[in-house]
PDB file of all heavy atoms in Angstrom:
ATOM      1  N   ALA A   1     -41.862  65.848 -36.946  1.00  0.00           N
ATOM      2  CA  ALA A   1     -42.149  66.100 -35.570  1.00  0.00           C
ATOM      3  C   ALA A   1     -42.666  67.541 -35.404  1.00  0.00           C
ATOM      4  O   ALA A   1     -42.167  68.390 -36.076  1.00  0.00           O
ATOM      5  CB  ALA A   1     -40.954  65.966 -34.665  1.00  0.00           C
ATOM      6  N   ARG A   2     -43.674  67.696 -34.484  1.00  0.00           N
ATOM      7  CA  ARG A   2     -44.224  68.963 -34.231  1.00  0.00           C
ATOM      8  C   ARG A   2     -43.149  69.802 -33.472  1.00  0.00           C
ATOM      9  O   ARG A   2     -42.974  71.033 -33.622  1.00  0.00           O
ATOM     10  CB  ARG A   2     -45.450  68.896 -33.465  1.00  0.00           C
ATOM     11  CG  ARG A   2     -46.127  70.136 -32.904  1.00  0.00           C
ATOM     12  CD  ARG A   2     -46.514  71.021 -34.104  1.00  0.00           C
ATOM     13  NE  ARG A   2     -47.601  70.503 -34.745  1.00  0.00           N
ATOM     14  CZ  ARG A   2     -48.242  70.948 -35.862  1.00  0.00           C
ATOM     15  NH1 ARG A   2     -47.737  72.180 -36.252  1.00  0.00           N
ATOM     16  NH2 ARG A   2     -49.143  70.360 -36.532  1.00  0.00           N
ATOM     17  N   GLU A   3     -42.489  69.118 -32.477  1.00  0.00           N
ATOM     18  CA  GLU A   3     -41.479  69.864 -31.686  1.00  0.00           C
ATOM     19  C   GLU A   3     -40.565  68.833 -31.115  1.00  0.00           C
ATOM     20  O   GLU A   3     -40.935  67.601 -30.924  1.00  0.00           O
ATOM     21  CB  GLU A   3     -42.050  70.742 -30.547  1.00  0.00           C
ATOM     22  CG  GLU A   3     -42.881  69.988 -29.569  1.00  0.00           C
ATOM     23  CD  GLU A   3     -43.372  70.816 -28.389  1.00  0.00           C
ATOM     24  OE1 GLU A   3     -43.129  72.105 -28.468  1.00  0.00           O
ATOM     25  OE2 GLU A   3     -44.007  70.388 -27.537  1.00  0.00           O
ATOM     26  N   VAL A   4     -39.230  69.121 -30.754  1.00  0.00           N
ATOM     27  CA  VAL A   4     -38.334  68.256 -30.322  1.00  0.00           C
ATOM     28  C   VAL A   4     -37.668  68.763 -29.003  1.00  0.00           C
ATOM     29  O   VAL A   4     -37.311  69.791 -28.880  1.00  0.00           O
ATOM     30  CB  VAL A   4     -37.118  68.008 -31.357  1.00  0.00           C
ATOM     31  CG1 VAL A   4     -36.068  67.039 -30.778  1.00  0.00           C
ATOM     32  CG2 VAL A   4     -37.636  67.656 -32.666  1.00  0.00           C
ATOM     33  N   TYR A   5     -37.734  67.786 -27.977  1.00  0.00           N
ATOM     34  CA  TYR A   5     -37.187  68.095 -26.634  1.00  0.00           C
ATOM     35  C   TYR A   5     -35.659  67.715 -26.687  1.00  0.00           C
ATOM     36  O   TYR A   5     -35.496  66.418 -26.678  1.00  0.00           O
ATOM     37  CB  TYR A   5     -37.948  67.381 -25.570  1.00  0.00           C
ATOM     38  CG  TYR A   5     -39.563  67.683 -25.700  1.00  0.00           C
ATOM     39  CD1 TYR A   5     -40.343  66.586 -25.514  1.00  0.00           C
ATOM     40  CD2 TYR A   5     -39.992  68.879 -25.877  1.00  0.00           C
ATOM     41  CE1 TYR A   5     -41.727  66.782 -25.582  1.00  0.00           C
ATOM     42  CE2 TYR A   5     -41.419  69.100 -26.079  1.00  0.00           C
ATOM     43  CZ  TYR A   5     -42.194  67.999 -25.841  1.00  0.00           C
ATOM     44  OH  TYR A   5     -43.681  68.158 -25.945  1.00  0.00           O
ATOM     45  N   THR A   6     -34.895  68.565 -26.555  1.00  0.00           N
ATOM     46  CA  THR A   6     -33.478  68.279 -26.485  1.00  0.00           C
ATOM     47  C   THR A   6     -32.933  67.916 -25.022  1.00  0.00           C
ATOM     48  O   THR A   6     -33.598  68.207 -24.117  1.00  0.00           O
ATOM     49  CB  THR A   6     -32.723  69.485 -26.984  1.00  0.00           C
ATOM     50  OG1 THR A   6     -32.555  70.454 -26.002  1.00  0.00           O
ATOM     51  CG2 THR A   6     -33.220  70.096 -28.255  1.00  0.00           C
ATOM     52  N   PRO A   7     -31.825  67.283 -25.009  1.00  0.00           N
ATOM     53  CA  PRO A   7     -31.210  67.020 -23.687  1.00  0.00           C
ATOM     54  C   PRO A   7     -30.390  68.099 -23.123  1.00  0.00           C
ATOM     55  O   PRO A   7     -29.458  67.869 -22.340  1.00  0.00           O
ATOM     56  CB  PRO A   7     -30.376  65.741 -23.917  1.00  0.00           C
ATOM     57  CG  PRO A   7     -29.915  65.934 -25.364  1.00  0.00           C
ATOM     58  CD  PRO A   7     -30.963  66.711 -26.053  1.00  0.00           C
ATOM     59  N   VAL A   8     -30.743  69.335 -23.487  1.00  0.00           N
ATOM     60  CA  VAL A   8     -30.053  70.448 -23.043  1.00  0.00           C
ATOM     61  C   VAL A   8     -30.908  71.266 -22.078  1.00  0.00           C
ATOM     62  O   VAL A   8     -31.988  71.824 -22.435  1.00  0.00           O
ATOM     63  CB  VAL A   8     -29.568  71.484 -24.170  1.00  0.00           C
ATOM     64  CG1 VAL A   8     -28.770  72.653 -23.611  1.00  0.00           C
ATOM     65  CG2 VAL A   8     -28.767  70.633 -25.193  1.00  0.00           C
ATOM     66  N   PHE A   9     -30.601  71.288 -20.764  1.00  0.00           N
ATOM     67  CA  PHE A   9     -31.485  71.888 -19.719  1.00  0.00           C
ATOM     68  C   PHE A   9     -31.575  73.343 -19.989  1.00  0.00           C
ATOM     69  O   PHE A   9     -30.656  74.058 -20.299  1.00  0.00           O
ATOM     70  CB  PHE A   9     -30.844  71.690 -18.374  1.00  0.00           C
ATOM     71  CG  PHE A   9     -30.648  70.171 -17.942  1.00  0.00           C
ATOM     72  CD1 PHE A   9     -29.438  69.568 -17.803  1.00  0.00           C
ATOM     73  CD2 PHE A   9     -31.863  69.517 -17.778  1.00  0.00           C
ATOM     74  CE1 PHE A   9     -29.379  68.274 -17.371  1.00  0.00           C
ATOM     75  CE2 PHE A   9     -31.818  68.111 -17.356  1.00  0.00           C
ATOM     76  CZ  PHE A   9     -30.614  67.510 -17.168  1.00  0.00           C
ATOM     77  N   GLY A  10     -32.840  73.825 -19.959  1.00  0.00           N
ATOM     78  CA  GLY A  10     -33.083  75.263 -20.157  1.00  0.00           C
ATOM     79  C   GLY A  10     -33.351  75.677 -21.575  1.00  0.00           C
ATOM     80  O   GLY A  10     -33.699  76.775 -21.843  1.00  0.00           O
ATOM     81  N   PHE A  11     -33.163  74.704 -22.503  1.00  0.00           N
ATOM     82  CA  PHE A  11     -33.307  75.080 -24.019  1.00  0.00           C
ATOM     83  C   PHE A  11     -34.722  74.757 -24.373  1.00  0.00           C
ATOM     84  O   PHE A  11     -35.233  73.697 -24.027  1.00  0.00           O
ATOM     85  CB  PHE A  11     -32.280  74.202 -24.814  1.00  0.00           C
ATOM     86  CG  PHE A  11     -31.766  74.941 -25.950  1.00  0.00           C
ATOM     87  CD1 PHE A  11     -30.568  75.701 -25.786  1.00  0.00           C
ATOM     88  CD2 PHE A  11     -32.372  75.041 -27.151  1.00  0.00           C
ATOM     89  CE1 PHE A  11     -29.990  76.386 -26.740  1.00  0.00           C
ATOM     90  CE2 PHE A  11     -31.757  75.684 -28.201  1.00  0.00           C
ATOM     91  CZ  PHE A  11     -30.529  76.417 -28.063  1.00  0.00           C
ATOM     92  N   GLN A  12     -35.315  75.657 -25.078  1.00  0.00           N
ATOM     93  CA  GLN A  12     -36.691  75.515 -25.477  1.00  0.00           C
ATOM     94  C   GLN A  12     -36.893  74.504 -26.541  1.00  0.00           C
ATOM     95  O   GLN A  12     -35.964  74.154 -27.320  1.00  0.00           O
ATOM     96  CB  GLN A  12     -37.279  76.820 -26.036  1.00  0.00           C
ATOM     97  CG  GLN A  12     -37.363  77.919 -24.942  1.00  0.00           C
ATOM     98  CD  GLN A  12     -38.367  77.561 -23.837  1.00  0.00           C
ATOM     99  OE1 GLN A  12     -39.462  77.088 -24.110  1.00  0.00           O
ATOM    100  NE2 GLN A  12     -37.792  77.732 -22.599  1.00  0.00           N
ATOM    101  N   PRO A  13     -38.077  73.752 -26.543  1.00  0.00           N
ATOM    102  CA  PRO A  13     -38.297  72.715 -27.683  1.00  0.00           C
ATOM    103  C   PRO A  13     -38.034  73.253 -29.015  1.00  0.00           C
ATOM    104  O   PRO A  13     -38.370  74.452 -29.317  1.00  0.00           O
ATOM    105  CB  PRO A  13     -39.698  72.305 -27.445  1.00  0.00           C
ATOM    106  CG  PRO A  13     -39.991  72.688 -26.016  1.00  0.00           C
ATOM    107  CD  PRO A  13     -39.125  73.838 -25.676  1.00  0.00           C
ATOM    108  N   LEU A  14     -37.462  72.617 -29.935  1.00  0.00           N
ATOM    109  CA  LEU A  14     -37.111  73.040 -31.277  1.00  0.00           C
ATOM    110  C   LEU A  14     -38.268  72.688 -32.150  1.00  0.00           C
ATOM    111  O   LEU A  14     -38.821  71.621 -32.067  1.00  0.00           O
ATOM    112  CB  LEU A  14     -35.830  72.268 -31.728  1.00  0.00           C
ATOM    113  CG  LEU A  14     -34.540  72.409 -30.888  1.00  0.00           C
ATOM    114  CD1 LEU A  14     -33.402  71.671 -31.541  1.00  0.00           C
ATOM    115  CD2 LEU A  14     -34.288  73.790 -30.616  1.00  0.00           C
ATOM    116  N   LYS A  15     -38.397  73.574 -33.141  1.00  0.00           N
ATOM    117  CA  LYS A  15     -39.628  73.414 -34.092  1.00  0.00           C
ATOM    118  C   LYS A  15     -39.132  73.342 -35.484  1.00  0.00           C
ATOM    119  O   LYS A  15     -39.977  73.099 -36.374  1.00  0.00           O
ATOM    120  CB  LYS A  15     -40.594  74.523 -33.806  1.00  0.00           C
ATOM    121  CG  LYS A  15     -41.255  74.544 -32.416  1.00  0.00           C
ATOM    122  CD  LYS A  15     -42.214  75.626 -32.322  1.00  0.00           C
ATOM    123  CE  LYS A  15     -42.775  75.736 -30.894  1.00  0.00           C
ATOM    124  NZ  LYS A  15     -43.480  74.467 -30.490  1.00  0.00           N
ATOM    125  N   ASN A  16     -37.874  73.577 -35.803  1.00  0.00           N
ATOM    126  CA  ASN A  16     -37.449  73.612 -37.283  1.00  0.00           C
ATOM    127  C   ASN A  16     -36.009  73.366 -37.322  1.00  0.00           C
ATOM    128  O   ASN A  16     -35.261  73.426 -36.336  1.00  0.00           O
ATOM    129  CB  ASN A  16     -37.862  74.893 -38.041  1.00  0.00           C
ATOM    130  CG  ASN A  16     -37.323  76.127 -37.284  1.00  0.00           C
ATOM    131  OD1 ASN A  16     -36.009  76.340 -37.223  1.00  0.00           O
ATOM    132  ND2 ASN A  16     -38.107  77.040 -36.868  1.00  0.00           N
ATOM    133  N   MET A  17     -35.439  73.118 -38.505  1.00  0.00           N
ATOM    134  CA  MET A  17     -34.089  72.785 -38.764  1.00  0.00           C
ATOM    135  C   MET A  17     -33.152  73.951 -38.330  1.00  0.00           C
ATOM    136  O   MET A  17     -32.046  73.654 -37.817  1.00  0.00           O
ATOM    137  CB  MET A  17     -33.841  72.305 -40.172  1.00  0.00           C
ATOM    138  CG  MET A  17     -34.574  71.062 -40.649  1.00  0.00           C
ATOM    139  SD  MET A  17     -33.794  69.671 -39.989  1.00  0.00           S
ATOM    140  CE  MET A  17     -34.541  68.365 -40.924  1.00  0.00           C
ATOM    141  N   ASP A  18     -33.555  75.193 -38.616  1.00  0.00           N
ATOM    142  CA  ASP A  18     -32.722  76.320 -38.232  1.00  0.00           C
ATOM    143  C   ASP A  18     -32.484  76.303 -36.698  1.00  0.00           C
ATOM    144  O   ASP A  18     -31.394  76.629 -36.406  1.00  0.00           O
ATOM    145  CB  ASP A  18     -33.303  77.575 -38.770  1.00  0.00           C
ATOM    146  CG  ASP A  18     -33.350  77.678 -40.288  1.00  0.00           C
ATOM    147  OD1 ASP A  18     -32.527  77.023 -40.943  1.00  0.00           O
ATOM    148  OD2 ASP A  18     -34.120  78.427 -40.897  1.00  0.00           O
ATOM    149  N   GLU A  19     -33.397  76.159 -35.993  1.00  0.00           N
ATOM    150  CA  GLU A  19     -33.310  76.159 -34.543  1.00  0.00           C
ATOM    151  C   GLU A  19     -32.339  74.958 -34.064  1.00  0.00           C
ATOM    152  O   GLU A  19     -31.551  75.213 -33.158  1.00  0.00           O
ATOM    153  CB  GLU A  19     -34.661  75.994 -33.841  1.00  0.00           C
ATOM    154  CG  GLU A  19     -35.500  77.211 -34.009  1.00  0.00           C
ATOM    155  CD  GLU A  19     -36.904  77.026 -33.454  1.00  0.00           C
ATOM    156  OE1 GLU A  19     -37.247  75.901 -32.803  1.00  0.00           O
ATOM    157  OE2 GLU A  19     -37.721  78.041 -33.344  1.00  0.00           O
ATOM    158  N   ALA A  20     -32.492  73.833 -34.698  1.00  0.00           N
ATOM    159  CA  ALA A  20     -31.628  72.721 -34.339  1.00  0.00           C
ATOM    160  C   ALA A  20     -30.150  73.093 -34.659  1.00  0.00           C
ATOM    161  O   ALA A  20     -29.265  72.815 -33.848  1.00  0.00           O
ATOM    162  CB  ALA A  20     -32.014  71.434 -35.069  1.00  0.00           C
ATOM    163  N   ARG A  21     -29.842  73.747 -35.754  1.00  0.00           N
ATOM    164  CA  ARG A  21     -28.452  73.984 -36.116  1.00  0.00           C
ATOM    165  C   ARG A  21     -27.928  75.180 -35.395  1.00  0.00           C
ATOM    166  O   ARG A  21     -26.770  75.234 -34.985  1.00  0.00           O
ATOM    167  CB  ARG A  21     -28.357  74.256 -37.578  1.00  0.00           C
ATOM    168  CG  ARG A  21     -28.638  72.968 -38.411  1.00  0.00           C
ATOM    169  CD  ARG A  21     -29.057  73.334 -39.840  1.00  0.00           C
ATOM    170  NE  ARG A  21     -29.373  72.038 -40.480  1.00  0.00           N
ATOM    171  CZ  ARG A  21     -30.134  71.903 -41.602  1.00  0.00           C
ATOM    172  NH1 ARG A  21     -30.684  73.015 -42.137  1.00  0.00           N
ATOM    173  NH2 ARG A  21     -30.508  70.796 -42.175  1.00  0.00           N
ATOM    174  N   ALA A  22     -28.886  76.085 -34.987  1.00  0.00           N
ATOM    175  CA  ALA A  22     -28.463  77.255 -34.149  1.00  0.00           C
ATOM    176  C   ALA A  22     -28.043  76.814 -32.770  1.00  0.00           C
ATOM    177  O   ALA A  22     -27.145  77.285 -32.087  1.00  0.00           O
ATOM    178  CB  ALA A  22     -29.508  78.281 -34.051  1.00  0.00           C
ATOM    179  N   MET A  23     -28.741  75.719 -32.241  1.00  0.00           N
ATOM    180  CA  MET A  23     -28.427  75.134 -30.927  1.00  0.00           C
ATOM    181  C   MET A  23     -26.979  74.603 -30.836  1.00  0.00           C
ATOM    182  O   MET A  23     -26.220  74.763 -29.904  1.00  0.00           O
ATOM    183  CB  MET A  23     -29.453  74.033 -30.515  1.00  0.00           C
ATOM    184  CG  MET A  23     -29.149  73.520 -29.131  1.00  0.00           C
ATOM    185  SD  MET A  23     -30.152  72.149 -28.783  1.00  0.00           S
ATOM    186  CE  MET A  23     -29.601  70.910 -29.972  1.00  0.00           C
ATOM    187  N   GLU A  24     -26.597  73.894 -31.936  1.00  0.00           N
ATOM    188  CA  GLU A  24     -25.276  73.340 -31.981  1.00  0.00           C
ATOM    189  C   GLU A  24     -24.162  74.480 -32.056  1.00  0.00           C
ATOM    190  O   GLU A  24     -23.115  74.303 -31.378  1.00  0.00           O
ATOM    191  CB  GLU A  24     -25.074  72.432 -33.242  1.00  0.00           C
ATOM    192  CG  GLU A  24     -23.791  71.828 -33.324  1.00  0.00           C
ATOM    193  CD  GLU A  24     -23.513  70.921 -34.511  1.00  0.00           C
ATOM    194  OE1 GLU A  24     -24.584  70.726 -35.261  1.00  0.00           O
ATOM    195  OE2 GLU A  24     -22.494  70.479 -34.623  1.00  0.00           O
ATOM    196  N   ARG A  25     -24.477  75.607 -32.612  1.00  0.00           N
ATOM    197  CA  ARG A  25     -23.547  76.779 -32.775  1.00  0.00           C
ATOM    198  C   ARG A  25     -23.537  77.528 -31.527  1.00  0.00           C
ATOM    199  O   ARG A  25     -22.553  78.297 -31.169  1.00  0.00           O
ATOM    200  CB  ARG A  25     -23.863  77.620 -33.945  1.00  0.00           C
ATOM    201  CG  ARG A  25     -23.657  76.942 -35.260  1.00  0.00           C
ATOM    202  CD  ARG A  25     -23.729  77.977 -36.358  1.00  0.00           C
ATOM    203  NE  ARG A  25     -24.990  78.693 -36.365  1.00  0.00           N
ATOM    204  CZ  ARG A  25     -26.060  78.370 -37.112  1.00  0.00           C
ATOM    205  NH1 ARG A  25     -26.090  77.250 -37.826  1.00  0.00           N
ATOM    206  NH2 ARG A  25     -27.171  79.050 -37.043  1.00  0.00           N
ATOM    207  N   ALA A  26     -24.621  77.492 -30.624  1.00  0.00           N
ATOM    208  CA  ALA A  26     -24.765  78.369 -29.462  1.00  0.00           C
ATOM    209  C   ALA A  26     -23.704  77.930 -28.534  1.00  0.00           C
ATOM    210  O   ALA A  26     -23.147  76.833 -28.358  1.00  0.00           O
ATOM    211  CB  ALA A  26     -26.170  78.181 -28.767  1.00  0.00           C
ATOM    212  N   SER A  27     -23.306  79.058 -27.591  1.00  0.00           N
ATOM    213  CA  SER A  27     -22.381  78.878 -26.480  1.00  0.00           C
ATOM    214  C   SER A  27     -23.127  78.230 -25.345  1.00  0.00           C
ATOM    215  O   SER A  27     -23.874  79.037 -24.590  1.00  0.00           O
ATOM    216  CB  SER A  27     -21.749  80.155 -26.130  1.00  0.00           C
ATOM    217  OG  SER A  27     -20.827  79.992 -25.044  1.00  0.00           O
ATOM    218  N   ILE A  28     -23.058  76.985 -25.198  1.00  0.00           N
ATOM    219  CA  ILE A  28     -23.781  76.314 -24.035  1.00  0.00           C
ATOM    220  C   ILE A  28     -22.847  75.614 -23.143  1.00  0.00           C
ATOM    221  O   ILE A  28     -21.808  74.871 -23.521  1.00  0.00           O
ATOM    222  CB  ILE A  28     -24.629  75.160 -24.675  1.00  0.00           C
ATOM    223  CG1 ILE A  28     -25.711  75.842 -25.529  1.00  0.00           C
ATOM    224  CG2 ILE A  28     -25.451  74.381 -23.586  1.00  0.00           C
ATOM    225  CD1 ILE A  28     -26.531  74.943 -26.351  1.00  0.00           C
ATOM    226  N   ASP A  29     -22.937  75.810 -21.820  1.00  0.00           N
ATOM    227  CA  ASP A  29     -22.189  75.144 -20.858  1.00  0.00           C
ATOM    228  C   ASP A  29     -22.446  73.718 -20.882  1.00  0.00           C
ATOM    229  O   ASP A  29     -23.597  73.281 -20.898  1.00  0.00           O
ATOM    230  CB  ASP A  29     -22.450  75.792 -19.402  1.00  0.00           C
ATOM    231  CG  ASP A  29     -21.476  75.293 -18.357  1.00  0.00           C
ATOM    232  OD1 ASP A  29     -21.162  74.075 -18.347  1.00  0.00           O
ATOM    233  OD2 ASP A  29     -21.073  76.120 -17.552  1.00  0.00           O
TER     234      ASP A  29
END
């Protein structure tokens, strides 16, 4: 995939694995 749209409002589309894993670790309401 070129980019992935997550179901997290306000989160930018992801472009690589590191960004995907960082999203899981991030403090998100």
